[in-house]
Amino acid sequence: MADLERRIAQGRGDEPADVVLRGGRVFDLITGDLIDGDVAICGDTVVGIGAPYEGCDVIDVSGLILVPGFIDTHLHIESSLVTPFEFDRCVGPRGVTTAICDPHEIANVMGVDGIRYFQAASECTLMDIRVQLSSCVPSTDMETSGAEIDAEALRRVMGHPSAIGLAEVMNYPGVIHRAPDIMAKLKLFEGGHVDGHCPQLSGRDLNAYCAAGIRTEHEATTLKEAREKLQRGMRVLIREGSVSKDMHALQPLLTDVTAPYMCLCTDDRNPLDIADDGHLDYMIRELIALGCSPLAVYRAASLSGAEAFGLRDRGLIAPGRRADIVALGSLEACDAQLVLCAGRVANAAAFAARKEVPPIGRHSVRAPKVGPEDFRHSGNCSNTDVIGILDGKILTAHLHYDLAATGGDKRPDISRDLVRIAVVERHGRNGNIATGFVHGFNLQRGAIASTVCHDHHNIACVGVDYADMAVAVNRLGEIEGGFVVVEGGRVLAELALPVAGLMSLEPFEMVRDNLIALRSAAKSLGVTLKEPFLQLAFLALPVIPALKITDRGLVDVTRFEILN
């Protein structure tokens, strides 16, 4: 019997269903009702609810509430610091059954080969990884990345089953001023799905950006900004990552009225935060605790995302929908007791049975050896531009301090929390080194360095001792990238990320343990930031206001120009 006939027969009860979930109640995201009765599954599809069914395999879910699988509507899996397969194992059991990812981190290092790696991985994972095609590699012309991807290169990777559309268009000035390269990419995806990224854009500029056919936004950080973007027809994705934490600010906007147009995403979240707090499950718990209705929250976690991204086969537990199901002890606790991805139970045996594709991007750190003298910062004027960290945000302040040069060098001043920041080009293209100042780390000694450095992923380093900065940068070349903490010429803690300098080859549990040691080492140097490594990484992203640094120098993002 063909699949169509089998689905109809099992839905009608004319033959036993492949799988029956018995004893639970389905949370209906249309009416808000809790529906008693079995859930019948044929292959990867729900074929019946609200009635008794016989099944070849009966799973007891007595006392549990069944909700649709969660959809992370925007993330960079590379920021979890593990491969797509470990990410699958890490968050799948927490209820995430669809992840809509933009692989532009690895694409900035490896080009379209990085996109192809994620496309191949998506064919093997339990969860459904949807691979958006990276729109901005590099994000601007004010940085040196390991690759460039133009419209013609994107055309060559279109058509994969994992595709939805064009990933976040970060170069919003390029959109509103009609830059030819951006126009070519938008025309390639015209009429299809295009993701947005336009922090603080408003008024006519926002109108122009939306007129390009861009339909989602995850960079809204205030109620006023999110409301305006909803009013312009954008789907607002509430974000709660390891650094970018907008959930509490946007929570009051999530109601039963707005929920169909709001979704949930993590953007960048590492295994330590996932272990400590959770992933989308954490967001669901917290939003309900803050006063949002369970109906609004679970809609945003699944159905709204499915509809926003054209995934019409999921988002509800209903006949004909993909069997992505999470069984919970309670809606408020969001405590997954059982997870099904397309009808398959997400358990240790299922993860062990997957095929995996080999990693790529080994030996990607090609930076020259550096010495202490490379971290000097000269300047004739004492008025100095300083990057100001805003804890819990990737937005920064553009500060100014008086710093006089001594012997031709403006030295760090820990009494005012002014420490050196440097970006070292590591793709072997030009050897650029840019230096500046950052306020907000409270670093008292030593240095911290990372090859996770959005989005160009050069080496970012902060320190108060130039010799320690040199040790940290050079060590990253030896371990093929990662995170390093150094004091007194000695490595206190490190995490190797040999897959393009972005992802570990180790299990997520080991990565989590190493992150604990790294945070402890950073704290021993005086650092007060909860997540110093990703905070450091975002200081180099020149599409997020206000002041950032790349290998080409300090970038005034509000004016979209490199400072002298």
Protein backbone atom coordinates (compact mmCIF):
# COMPACT_ATOMS: atom_id res chain seq x y z
CA MET A 1 0.00 0.00 0.00
CA ALA A 2 1.38 3.44 -0.89
CA ASP A 3 2.20 5.92 1.88
CA LEU A 4 -0.89 7.99 1.13
CA GLU A 5 -3.19 5.00 1.45
CA ARG A 6 -1.42 3.83 4.61
CA ARG A 7 -1.80 7.23 6.25
CA ILE A 8 -5.51 7.32 5.46
CA ALA A 9 -6.05 3.75 6.62
CA GLN A 10 -4.23 4.28 9.90
CA GLY A 11 -5.94 7.60 10.51
CA ARG A 12 -9.33 5.92 10.06
CA GLY A 13 -8.31 3.02 12.28
CA ASP A 14 -8.63 0.46 9.49
CA GLU A 15 -5.14 -0.81 10.33
CA PRO A 16 -2.89 -0.36 13.36
CA ALA A 17 -0.85 2.82 13.43
CA ASP A 18 2.92 2.49 13.34
CA VAL A 19 3.16 4.30 16.69
CA VAL A 20 0.52 5.31 19.21
CA LEU A 21 1.09 7.77 22.07
CA ARG A 22 -1.43 6.74 24.72
CA GLY A 23 -2.67 8.47 27.84
CA GLY A 24 -1.60 12.05 27.21
CA ARG A 25 -3.42 15.23 26.25
CA VAL A 26 -2.66 17.33 23.16
CA PHE A 27 -2.27 21.08 23.62
CA ASP A 28 -4.06 22.55 20.61
CA LEU A 29 -2.40 25.82 19.55
CA ILE A 30 -5.44 26.96 17.57
CA THR A 31 -8.12 26.83 20.26
CA GLY A 32 -5.97 26.52 23.37
CA ASP A 33 -7.85 23.33 24.33
CA LEU A 34 -6.31 20.24 25.89
CA ILE A 35 -7.54 17.28 23.83
CA ASP A 36 -7.85 13.83 25.39
CA GLY A 37 -7.22 10.70 23.33
CA ASP A 38 -4.43 8.83 21.57
CA VAL A 39 -2.05 10.26 18.98
CA ALA A 40 -1.58 7.94 16.00
CA ILE A 41 1.56 8.19 13.87
CA CYS A 42 2.24 6.66 10.46
CA GLY A 43 5.91 6.90 9.55
CA ASP A 44 6.86 10.54 10.06
CA THR A 45 3.31 11.91 10.09
CA VAL A 46 0.56 12.33 12.67
CA VAL A 47 -2.58 10.67 11.29
CA GLY A 48 -4.98 10.82 14.22
CA ILE A 49 -5.70 12.55 17.54
CA GLY A 50 -8.58 12.67 19.99
CA ALA A 51 -9.68 9.05 19.50
CA PRO A 52 -8.62 5.55 20.59
CA TYR A 53 -6.12 3.79 18.29
CA GLU A 54 -4.29 0.49 18.10
CA GLY A 55 -0.61 0.57 17.26
CA CYS A 56 2.30 -1.65 16.38
CA ASP A 57 4.28 0.30 18.96
CA VAL A 58 2.41 1.86 21.89
CA ILE A 59 4.19 4.45 24.03
CA ASP A 60 2.66 5.28 27.40
CA VAL A 61 2.51 9.05 27.98
CA SER A 62 -0.05 8.96 30.75
CA GLY A 63 -0.38 12.24 32.60
CA LEU A 64 1.78 14.14 30.09
CA ILE A 65 0.88 17.08 27.88
CA LEU A 66 1.87 16.81 24.22
CA VAL A 67 3.01 19.95 22.39
CA PRO A 68 4.48 20.45 18.90
CA GLY A 69 8.27 20.27 18.60
CA PHE A 70 10.06 23.57 19.14
CA ILE A 71 11.49 25.59 16.25
CA ASP A 72 14.60 27.72 16.80
CA THR A 73 13.94 30.27 14.09
CA HIS A 74 17.42 31.79 13.90
CA LEU A 75 20.73 30.47 15.12
CA HIS A 76 24.32 29.84 14.21
CA ILE A 77 25.06 26.26 15.24
CA GLU A 78 28.77 27.05 15.19
CA SER A 79 28.20 29.31 18.22
CA SER A 80 27.26 26.22 20.22
CA LEU A 81 30.98 25.38 19.74
CA VAL A 82 30.15 21.82 18.69
CA THR A 83 29.42 20.13 15.37
CA PRO A 84 25.84 19.88 14.06
CA PHE A 85 25.74 16.29 15.29
CA GLU A 86 26.64 17.18 18.86
CA PHE A 87 24.23 20.11 18.72
CA ASP A 88 21.52 17.65 17.67
CA ARG A 89 22.33 15.45 20.68
CA CYS A 90 22.57 18.45 23.01
CA VAL A 91 19.26 20.22 22.35
CA GLY A 92 17.10 17.59 20.64
CA PRO A 93 16.15 15.91 23.94
CA ARG A 94 15.09 19.35 25.20
CA GLY A 95 12.37 19.52 22.54
CA VAL A 96 14.03 21.33 19.64
CA THR A 97 12.98 19.46 16.51
CA THR A 98 13.68 22.13 13.88
CA ALA A 99 16.68 24.47 13.78
CA ILE A 100 16.79 27.19 11.12
CA CYS A 101 20.47 27.98 10.90
CA ASP A 102 22.65 30.43 9.04
CA PRO A 103 26.09 28.85 8.61
CA HIS A 104 27.77 32.17 7.94
CA GLU A 105 30.32 31.60 10.70
CA ILE A 106 31.94 28.67 8.93
CA ALA A 107 31.19 30.26 5.54
CA ASN A 108 33.32 33.26 6.51
CA VAL A 109 36.20 30.85 7.05
CA MET A 110 35.56 28.19 4.38
CA GLY A 111 33.26 29.85 1.83
CA VAL A 112 30.57 27.74 0.14
CA ASP A 113 32.31 24.57 1.36
CA GLY A 114 31.11 25.57 4.83
CA ILE A 115 27.53 25.81 3.59
CA ARG A 116 27.84 22.44 1.85
CA TYR A 117 29.12 20.89 5.09
CA PHE A 118 25.97 21.99 6.90
CA GLN A 119 23.76 20.85 4.05
CA ALA A 120 25.35 17.40 4.19
CA ALA A 121 25.02 17.28 7.98
CA SER A 122 21.32 18.16 7.72
CA GLU A 123 20.75 14.92 5.83
CA CYS A 124 21.94 12.90 8.84
CA THR A 125 20.67 14.60 12.01
CA LEU A 126 17.56 13.56 13.91
CA MET A 127 16.27 17.10 14.18
CA ASP A 128 15.44 18.92 10.97
CA ILE A 129 18.26 21.39 10.35
CA ARG A 130 17.23 23.97 7.77
CA VAL A 131 20.23 25.66 6.17
CA GLN A 132 19.67 29.24 5.09
CA LEU A 133 22.11 30.55 2.47
CA SER A 134 24.45 33.12 3.97
CA SER A 135 23.88 36.57 2.50
CA CYS A 136 26.80 38.55 3.89
CA VAL A 137 30.17 36.83 3.60
CA PRO A 138 31.88 38.99 4.66
CA SER A 139 29.35 41.07 6.56
CA THR A 140 30.90 44.31 5.23
CA ASP A 141 33.93 45.52 3.28
CA MET A 142 35.48 46.76 6.54
CA GLU A 143 36.98 43.40 7.57
CA THR A 144 39.05 40.53 6.18
CA SER A 145 37.30 37.18 6.10
CA GLY A 146 38.56 33.84 4.86
CA ALA A 147 36.20 33.86 1.86
CA GLU A 148 33.75 35.92 -0.16
CA ILE A 149 30.38 34.65 -1.39
CA ASP A 150 28.65 36.55 -4.16
CA ALA A 151 25.27 35.98 -5.81
CA GLU A 152 26.70 33.54 -8.35
CA ALA A 153 28.28 31.43 -5.59
CA LEU A 154 24.93 31.38 -3.77
CA ARG A 155 23.23 30.23 -6.95
CA ARG A 156 25.48 27.15 -6.99
CA VAL A 157 24.31 25.97 -3.54
CA MET A 158 20.60 26.65 -4.02
CA GLY A 159 18.09 23.83 -4.33
CA HIS A 160 19.20 21.61 -1.44
CA PRO A 161 16.29 20.00 0.48
CA SER A 162 17.33 21.84 3.64
CA ALA A 163 16.94 25.27 2.03
CA ILE A 164 14.33 27.87 2.91
CA GLY A 165 15.81 31.08 1.56
CA LEU A 166 18.39 33.82 2.08
CA ALA A 167 19.87 34.18 5.55
CA GLU A 168 19.99 37.40 7.56
CA VAL A 169 20.81 40.41 5.40
CA MET A 170 23.12 42.19 7.82
CA ASN A 171 24.37 44.88 5.49
CA TYR A 172 21.28 47.01 5.97
CA PRO A 173 22.99 50.17 4.65
CA GLY A 174 23.71 48.17 1.51
CA VAL A 175 20.00 47.43 1.19
CA ILE A 176 18.64 50.93 1.70
CA HIS A 177 21.34 52.49 -0.51
CA ARG A 178 20.95 49.78 -3.16
CA ALA A 179 24.51 48.42 -3.24
CA PRO A 180 24.88 46.33 -6.42
CA ASP A 181 26.16 43.18 -4.68
CA ILE A 182 23.30 43.22 -2.18
CA MET A 183 20.77 43.89 -4.91
CA ALA A 184 22.04 40.90 -6.88
CA LYS A 185 21.48 38.59 -3.90
CA LEU A 186 18.04 39.98 -3.12
CA LYS A 187 16.98 39.59 -6.75
CA LEU A 188 18.19 35.99 -6.71
CA PHE A 189 15.75 35.25 -3.85
CA GLU A 190 13.00 37.66 -4.88
CA GLY A 191 9.60 36.19 -4.08
CA GLY A 192 11.16 33.71 -1.64
CA HIS A 193 12.05 33.91 2.03
CA VAL A 194 14.63 36.50 3.13
CA ASP A 195 15.73 36.90 6.76
CA GLY A 196 16.39 40.29 8.28
CA HIS A 197 18.96 41.92 10.54
CA CYS A 198 18.47 45.66 11.01
CA PRO A 199 19.27 46.81 14.58
CA GLN A 200 17.72 50.17 15.51
CA LEU A 201 16.49 50.81 11.96
CA SER A 202 13.37 52.95 11.97
CA GLY A 203 11.12 55.21 9.93
CA ARG A 204 11.63 55.45 6.20
CA ASP A 205 14.85 53.46 6.33
CA LEU A 206 12.93 50.58 7.90
CA ASN A 207 10.21 50.95 5.28
CA ALA A 208 12.84 50.74 2.55
CA TYR A 209 14.41 47.66 4.13
CA CYS A 210 11.06 45.87 4.35
CA ALA A 211 10.18 46.92 0.80
CA ALA A 212 13.08 44.73 -0.32
CA GLY A 213 11.00 41.70 0.69
CA ILE A 214 12.75 41.07 4.02
CA ARG A 215 10.31 39.55 6.48
CA THR A 216 11.95 38.59 9.80
CA GLU A 217 13.92 40.45 12.45
CA HIS A 218 15.83 39.08 15.46
CA GLU A 219 17.76 42.25 16.37
CA ALA A 220 14.93 44.17 18.08
CA THR A 221 16.07 44.95 21.62
CA THR A 222 13.35 47.30 22.92
CA LEU A 223 9.57 47.22 23.02
CA LYS A 224 9.34 50.34 20.87
CA GLU A 225 11.64 48.89 18.22
CA ALA A 226 9.89 45.51 18.16
CA ARG A 227 6.43 47.08 17.95
CA GLU A 228 7.40 49.27 15.00
CA LYS A 229 8.83 46.28 13.17
CA LEU A 230 5.66 44.26 13.79
CA GLN A 231 3.67 47.17 12.42
CA ARG A 232 5.80 47.06 9.27
CA GLY A 233 4.81 43.43 8.73
CA MET A 234 7.99 41.83 10.03
CA ARG A 235 7.93 38.66 12.12
CA VAL A 236 9.83 39.52 15.28
CA LEU A 237 12.01 36.72 16.65
CA ILE A 238 12.53 37.06 20.41
CA ARG A 239 16.18 36.24 21.07
CA GLU A 240 17.88 34.86 24.16
CA GLY A 241 21.46 33.84 23.48
CA SER A 242 24.56 33.62 25.62
CA VAL A 243 25.29 37.32 25.09
CA SER A 244 22.29 38.83 23.30
CA LYS A 245 19.49 38.67 25.87
CA ASP A 246 16.34 40.42 24.66
CA MET A 247 13.66 38.14 26.10
CA HIS A 248 12.88 40.15 29.22
CA ALA A 249 12.71 43.40 27.26
CA LEU A 250 10.32 42.02 24.63
CA GLN A 251 8.21 39.75 26.86
CA PRO A 252 5.40 42.28 27.42
CA LEU A 253 4.77 42.37 23.67
CA LEU A 254 4.07 38.62 23.44
CA THR A 255 0.31 38.15 23.83
CA ASP A 256 -2.36 35.93 22.32
CA VAL A 257 -2.87 38.70 19.75
CA THR A 258 0.76 39.10 18.68
CA ALA A 259 1.91 35.48 19.12
CA PRO A 260 1.11 34.49 15.51
CA TYR A 261 3.69 37.06 14.41
CA MET A 262 6.38 36.44 17.03
CA CYS A 263 8.81 33.52 17.26
CA LEU A 264 11.66 32.36 19.50
CA CYS A 265 15.34 32.07 18.66
CA THR A 266 18.71 31.74 20.37
CA ASP A 267 21.07 33.13 17.70
CA ASP A 268 24.24 32.22 19.64
CA ARG A 269 24.09 29.97 22.72
CA ASN A 270 26.84 27.76 24.10
CA PRO A 271 26.67 24.34 25.82
CA LEU A 272 27.39 25.73 29.28
CA ASP A 273 24.37 28.04 29.21
CA ILE A 274 22.29 25.23 27.71
CA ALA A 275 23.34 22.92 30.57
CA ASP A 276 22.80 25.57 33.26
CA ASP A 277 19.51 27.06 32.04
CA GLY A 278 18.32 25.34 28.87
CA HIS A 279 17.67 26.27 25.26
CA LEU A 280 14.21 27.15 23.89
CA ASP A 281 12.82 25.24 26.86
CA TYR A 282 14.39 27.87 29.13
CA MET A 283 12.77 30.67 27.14
CA ILE A 284 9.38 28.98 27.36
CA ARG A 285 9.61 28.51 31.13
CA GLU A 286 10.80 32.05 31.69
CA LEU A 287 8.23 33.73 29.43
CA ILE A 288 5.38 31.91 31.19
CA ALA A 289 6.85 32.79 34.59
CA LEU A 290 7.00 36.45 33.48
CA GLY A 291 3.28 36.42 32.77
CA CYS A 292 2.82 35.40 29.13
CA SER A 293 0.00 32.93 28.50
CA PRO A 294 1.08 29.34 27.73
CA LEU A 295 -0.89 29.54 24.48
CA ALA A 296 1.07 32.60 23.29
CA VAL A 297 4.42 31.11 24.30
CA TYR A 298 3.92 27.68 22.76
CA ARG A 299 2.59 29.28 19.58
CA ALA A 300 5.75 31.40 19.37
CA ALA A 301 7.86 28.30 20.02
CA SER A 302 6.40 26.27 17.17
CA LEU A 303 3.39 27.19 15.03
CA SER A 304 4.36 30.82 14.50
CA GLY A 305 7.85 29.80 13.40
CA ALA A 306 6.51 27.18 11.04
CA GLU A 307 4.19 29.69 9.40
CA ALA A 308 6.78 32.48 9.27
CA PHE A 309 9.24 30.27 7.39
CA GLY A 310 6.75 28.46 5.16
CA LEU A 311 7.09 25.10 6.92
CA ARG A 312 3.46 24.15 6.50
CA ASP A 313 3.98 20.52 7.52
CA ARG A 314 4.63 21.25 11.21
CA GLY A 315 3.77 23.45 14.18
CA LEU A 316 0.65 21.55 15.28
CA ILE A 317 -0.12 18.07 16.54
CA ALA A 318 -2.82 17.37 13.98
CA PRO A 319 -3.52 14.82 11.21
CA GLY A 320 -1.25 15.35 8.22
CA ARG A 321 1.41 17.23 10.19
CA ARG A 322 4.98 16.09 10.74
CA ALA A 323 5.26 14.04 13.93
CA ASP A 324 7.46 16.46 15.86
CA ILE A 325 6.14 16.03 19.39
CA VAL A 326 7.32 16.89 22.89
CA ALA A 327 5.73 15.22 25.92
CA LEU A 328 5.84 17.48 29.00
CA GLY A 329 5.12 17.05 32.68
CA SER A 330 3.53 20.50 32.62
CA LEU A 331 3.30 23.49 30.32
CA GLU A 332 4.84 25.75 32.96
CA ALA A 333 7.86 23.52 33.63
CA CYS A 334 8.49 22.68 29.96
CA ASP A 335 10.23 19.53 31.15
CA ALA A 336 10.57 17.24 28.16
CA GLN A 337 9.96 13.60 29.10
CA LEU A 338 9.86 12.31 25.52
CA VAL A 339 10.74 13.90 22.17
CA LEU A 340 9.83 12.62 18.70
CA CYS A 341 11.48 14.04 15.58
CA ALA A 342 9.49 13.06 12.49
CA GLY A 343 8.13 10.08 14.41
CA ARG A 344 11.52 8.92 15.72
CA VAL A 345 12.20 8.96 19.45
CA ALA A 346 15.17 11.21 20.20
CA ASN A 347 17.13 8.95 22.54
CA ALA A 348 20.69 7.71 22.90
CA ALA A 349 20.14 4.75 20.56
CA ALA A 350 18.77 6.99 17.80
CA PHE A 351 21.67 9.43 18.08
CA ALA A 352 24.18 6.57 18.03
CA ALA A 353 22.61 5.14 14.87
CA ARG A 354 23.00 8.32 12.79
CA LYS A 355 25.51 8.66 10.02
CA GLU A 356 27.92 11.59 10.33
CA VAL A 357 29.86 13.50 7.72
CA PRO A 358 33.56 14.18 8.34
CA PRO A 359 34.47 17.63 9.65
CA ILE A 360 36.12 20.26 7.49
CA GLY A 361 38.24 23.34 8.15
CA ARG A 362 41.22 21.81 9.92
CA HIS A 363 44.39 23.97 10.18
CA SER A 364 42.45 27.13 9.35
CA VAL A 365 44.45 29.39 11.68
CA ARG A 366 47.19 30.88 9.49
CA ALA A 367 48.14 33.95 11.50
CA PRO A 368 51.84 34.85 11.67
CA LYS A 369 53.62 34.64 15.01
CA VAL A 370 53.20 37.84 16.98
CA GLY A 371 55.26 39.55 19.66
CA PRO A 372 54.49 42.01 22.48
CA GLU A 373 55.37 44.97 20.26
CA ASP A 374 52.47 44.13 17.93
CA PHE A 375 49.96 45.28 20.54
CA ARG A 376 51.14 48.87 20.95
CA HIS A 377 48.60 51.59 20.15
CA SER A 378 49.94 54.93 18.97
CA GLY A 379 48.14 58.26 18.63
CA ASN A 380 48.93 61.96 18.75
CA CYS A 381 45.60 63.01 20.25
CA SER A 382 44.77 62.15 23.85
CA ASN A 383 41.03 61.96 23.06
CA THR A 384 40.60 58.24 22.45
CA ASP A 385 37.71 56.22 21.05
CA VAL A 386 36.79 53.35 23.39
CA ILE A 387 34.40 50.43 22.88
CA GLY A 388 31.96 50.30 25.78
CA ILE A 389 30.52 46.87 26.62
CA LEU A 390 26.82 46.70 27.45
CA ASP A 391 26.50 43.50 29.47
CA GLY A 392 23.85 41.19 28.06
CA LYS A 393 23.86 42.92 24.68
CA ILE A 394 25.93 42.85 21.53
CA LEU A 395 25.24 46.54 21.07
CA THR A 396 28.15 48.63 22.35
CA ALA A 397 28.62 52.23 23.41
CA HIS A 398 31.01 54.62 21.65
CA LEU A 399 32.95 56.12 24.56
CA HIS A 400 35.72 58.70 24.69
CA TYR A 401 38.55 58.89 27.25
CA ASP A 402 41.67 61.01 27.58
CA LEU A 403 44.70 58.73 27.20
CA ALA A 404 48.12 60.23 26.69
CA ALA A 405 50.80 58.27 24.81
CA THR A 406 53.97 57.32 26.65
CA GLY A 407 56.91 56.48 24.44
CA GLY A 408 54.61 56.45 21.45
CA ASP A 409 52.14 54.00 23.02
CA LYS A 410 48.81 54.48 24.75
CA ARG A 411 48.99 51.90 27.51
CA PRO A 412 46.07 50.08 29.17
CA ASP A 413 44.75 51.79 32.30
CA ILE A 414 43.20 49.22 34.63
CA SER A 415 42.26 51.93 37.16
CA ARG A 416 39.67 53.09 34.61
CA ASP A 417 38.96 49.63 33.17
CA LEU A 418 40.56 50.56 29.83
CA VAL A 419 42.25 47.47 28.43
CA ARG A 420 43.81 46.70 25.10
CA ILE A 421 41.77 44.97 22.43
CA ALA A 422 43.36 43.64 19.25
CA VAL A 423 42.18 41.83 16.14
CA VAL A 424 44.76 39.73 14.29
CA GLU A 425 43.96 38.55 10.75
CA ARG A 426 44.25 34.75 10.81
CA HIS A 427 43.23 33.58 7.33
CA GLY A 428 46.66 34.14 5.84
CA ARG A 429 45.49 36.94 3.56
CA ASN A 430 47.22 40.13 4.72
CA GLY A 431 48.53 39.82 8.31
CA ASN A 432 46.60 42.88 9.54
CA ILE A 433 46.69 43.73 13.23
CA ALA A 434 44.42 46.45 14.64
CA THR A 435 44.45 47.69 18.23
CA GLY A 436 42.19 49.80 20.39
CA PHE A 437 40.61 50.08 23.83
CA VAL A 438 37.60 48.44 25.44
CA HIS A 439 35.80 49.25 28.69
CA GLY A 440 33.74 46.70 30.62
CA PHE A 441 35.89 43.60 31.10
CA ASN A 442 37.43 44.73 34.43
CA LEU A 443 40.49 42.71 33.43
CA GLN A 444 43.30 43.27 35.94
CA ARG A 445 46.09 41.16 34.45
CA GLY A 446 46.87 38.63 31.72
CA ALA A 447 45.02 38.16 28.43
CA ILE A 448 42.11 36.35 26.77
CA ALA A 449 42.02 35.39 23.09
CA SER A 450 39.59 33.70 20.71
CA THR A 451 39.23 32.66 17.07
CA VAL A 452 35.45 32.96 17.45
CA CYS A 453 35.28 36.56 16.28
CA HIS A 454 32.07 37.54 14.51
CA ASP A 455 31.70 37.32 11.64
CA HIS A 456 35.10 37.31 9.97
CA HIS A 457 36.51 35.04 12.70
CA ASN A 458 39.95 36.50 12.91
CA ILE A 459 41.67 36.39 16.30
CA ALA A 460 40.27 38.75 18.95
CA CYS A 461 42.35 39.35 22.05
CA VAL A 462 41.96 41.53 25.14
CA GLY A 463 44.70 42.05 27.69
CA VAL A 464 46.68 44.34 29.95
CA ASP A 465 50.03 42.63 29.38
CA TYR A 466 51.34 42.63 25.80
CA ALA A 467 53.56 39.57 26.36
CA ASP A 468 50.57 37.58 27.61
CA MET A 469 48.56 38.74 24.60
CA ALA A 470 51.28 37.43 22.30
CA VAL A 471 51.34 34.07 24.11
CA ALA A 472 47.56 33.80 23.85
CA VAL A 473 47.40 34.64 20.12
CA ASN A 474 50.26 32.29 19.24
CA ARG A 475 48.73 29.47 21.29
CA LEU A 476 45.56 29.66 19.21
CA GLY A 477 47.61 28.81 16.13
CA GLU A 478 49.04 25.77 17.89
CA ILE A 479 45.63 24.33 18.89
CA GLU A 480 43.91 25.15 15.54
CA GLY A 481 41.77 27.83 17.10
CA GLY A 482 39.56 28.15 20.15
CA PHE A 483 39.67 30.06 23.44
CA VAL A 484 42.74 30.74 25.60
CA VAL A 485 43.32 32.45 28.95
CA VAL A 486 46.91 33.43 29.80
CA GLU A 487 48.62 34.97 32.82
CA GLY A 488 52.35 35.46 33.40
CA GLY A 489 53.22 33.69 30.16
CA ARG A 490 51.33 30.56 31.24
CA VAL A 491 48.14 29.14 29.73
CA LEU A 492 45.57 28.88 32.54
CA ALA A 493 42.78 27.33 30.47
CA GLU A 494 41.97 26.62 26.85
CA LEU A 495 39.42 25.01 24.56
CA ALA A 496 40.53 23.78 21.14
CA LEU A 497 38.06 24.41 18.29
CA PRO A 498 39.80 22.78 15.32
CA VAL A 499 36.78 22.72 12.98
CA ALA A 500 37.37 26.03 11.17
CA GLY A 501 38.53 27.54 14.47
CA LEU A 502 34.86 27.49 15.54
CA MET A 503 33.75 24.03 16.64
CA SER A 504 35.12 21.28 18.85
CA LEU A 505 35.45 17.64 17.90
CA GLU A 506 34.63 16.63 21.47
CA PRO A 507 31.23 15.74 23.00
CA PHE A 508 29.21 18.72 24.18
CA GLU A 509 29.64 17.58 27.81
CA MET A 510 33.42 18.00 27.52
CA VAL A 511 33.03 21.39 25.86
CA ARG A 512 30.76 22.45 28.71
CA ASP A 513 33.35 21.37 31.30
CA ASN A 514 36.11 23.26 29.48
CA LEU A 515 33.95 26.37 29.38
CA ILE A 516 33.55 26.16 33.15
CA ALA A 517 37.35 26.11 33.52
CA LEU A 518 37.72 29.00 31.06
CA ARG A 519 35.18 31.17 32.86
CA SER A 520 36.90 30.42 36.15
CA ALA A 521 40.28 31.35 34.69
CA ALA A 522 38.89 34.58 33.25
CA LYS A 523 37.33 35.43 36.60
CA SER A 524 40.71 34.90 38.28
CA LEU A 525 42.05 37.71 36.07
CA GLY A 526 39.35 40.04 37.37
CA VAL A 527 36.80 39.62 34.56
CA THR A 528 33.27 40.27 35.78
CA LEU A 529 31.34 39.39 32.60
CA LYS A 530 29.37 36.15 32.84
CA GLU A 531 30.16 35.18 29.23
CA PRO A 532 33.45 36.95 28.37
CA PHE A 533 34.34 34.86 25.31
CA LEU A 534 31.24 35.44 23.20
CA GLN A 535 31.13 39.03 24.46
CA LEU A 536 34.65 39.43 23.08
CA ALA A 537 33.66 37.78 19.81
CA PHE A 538 30.87 40.30 19.16
CA LEU A 539 33.13 43.31 19.69
CA ALA A 540 34.41 42.65 16.17
CA LEU A 541 31.04 42.58 14.38
CA PRO A 542 30.77 45.79 12.30
CA VAL A 543 27.03 45.53 11.62
CA ILE A 544 25.92 46.04 15.23
CA PRO A 545 26.09 49.60 16.64
CA ALA A 546 27.85 51.56 17.89
CA LEU A 547 31.66 51.08 17.96
CA LYS A 548 33.40 47.84 16.93
CA ILE A 549 36.87 46.73 15.81
CA THR A 550 38.03 44.55 12.91
CA ASP A 551 41.48 43.76 11.55
CA ARG A 552 41.23 47.02 9.61
CA GLY A 553 40.65 49.23 12.65
CA LEU A 554 37.89 50.72 14.77
CA VAL A 555 34.52 50.89 13.01
CA ASP A 556 31.88 53.53 13.70
CA VAL A 557 28.86 51.40 12.84
CA THR A 558 26.37 54.29 13.00
CA ARG A 559 28.32 55.97 10.19
CA PHE A 560 29.42 52.67 8.66
CA GLU A 561 33.03 53.77 8.33
CA ILE A 562 36.48 52.94 9.65
CA LEU A 563 37.89 55.55 12.03
CA ASN A 564 41.30 57.01 11.42
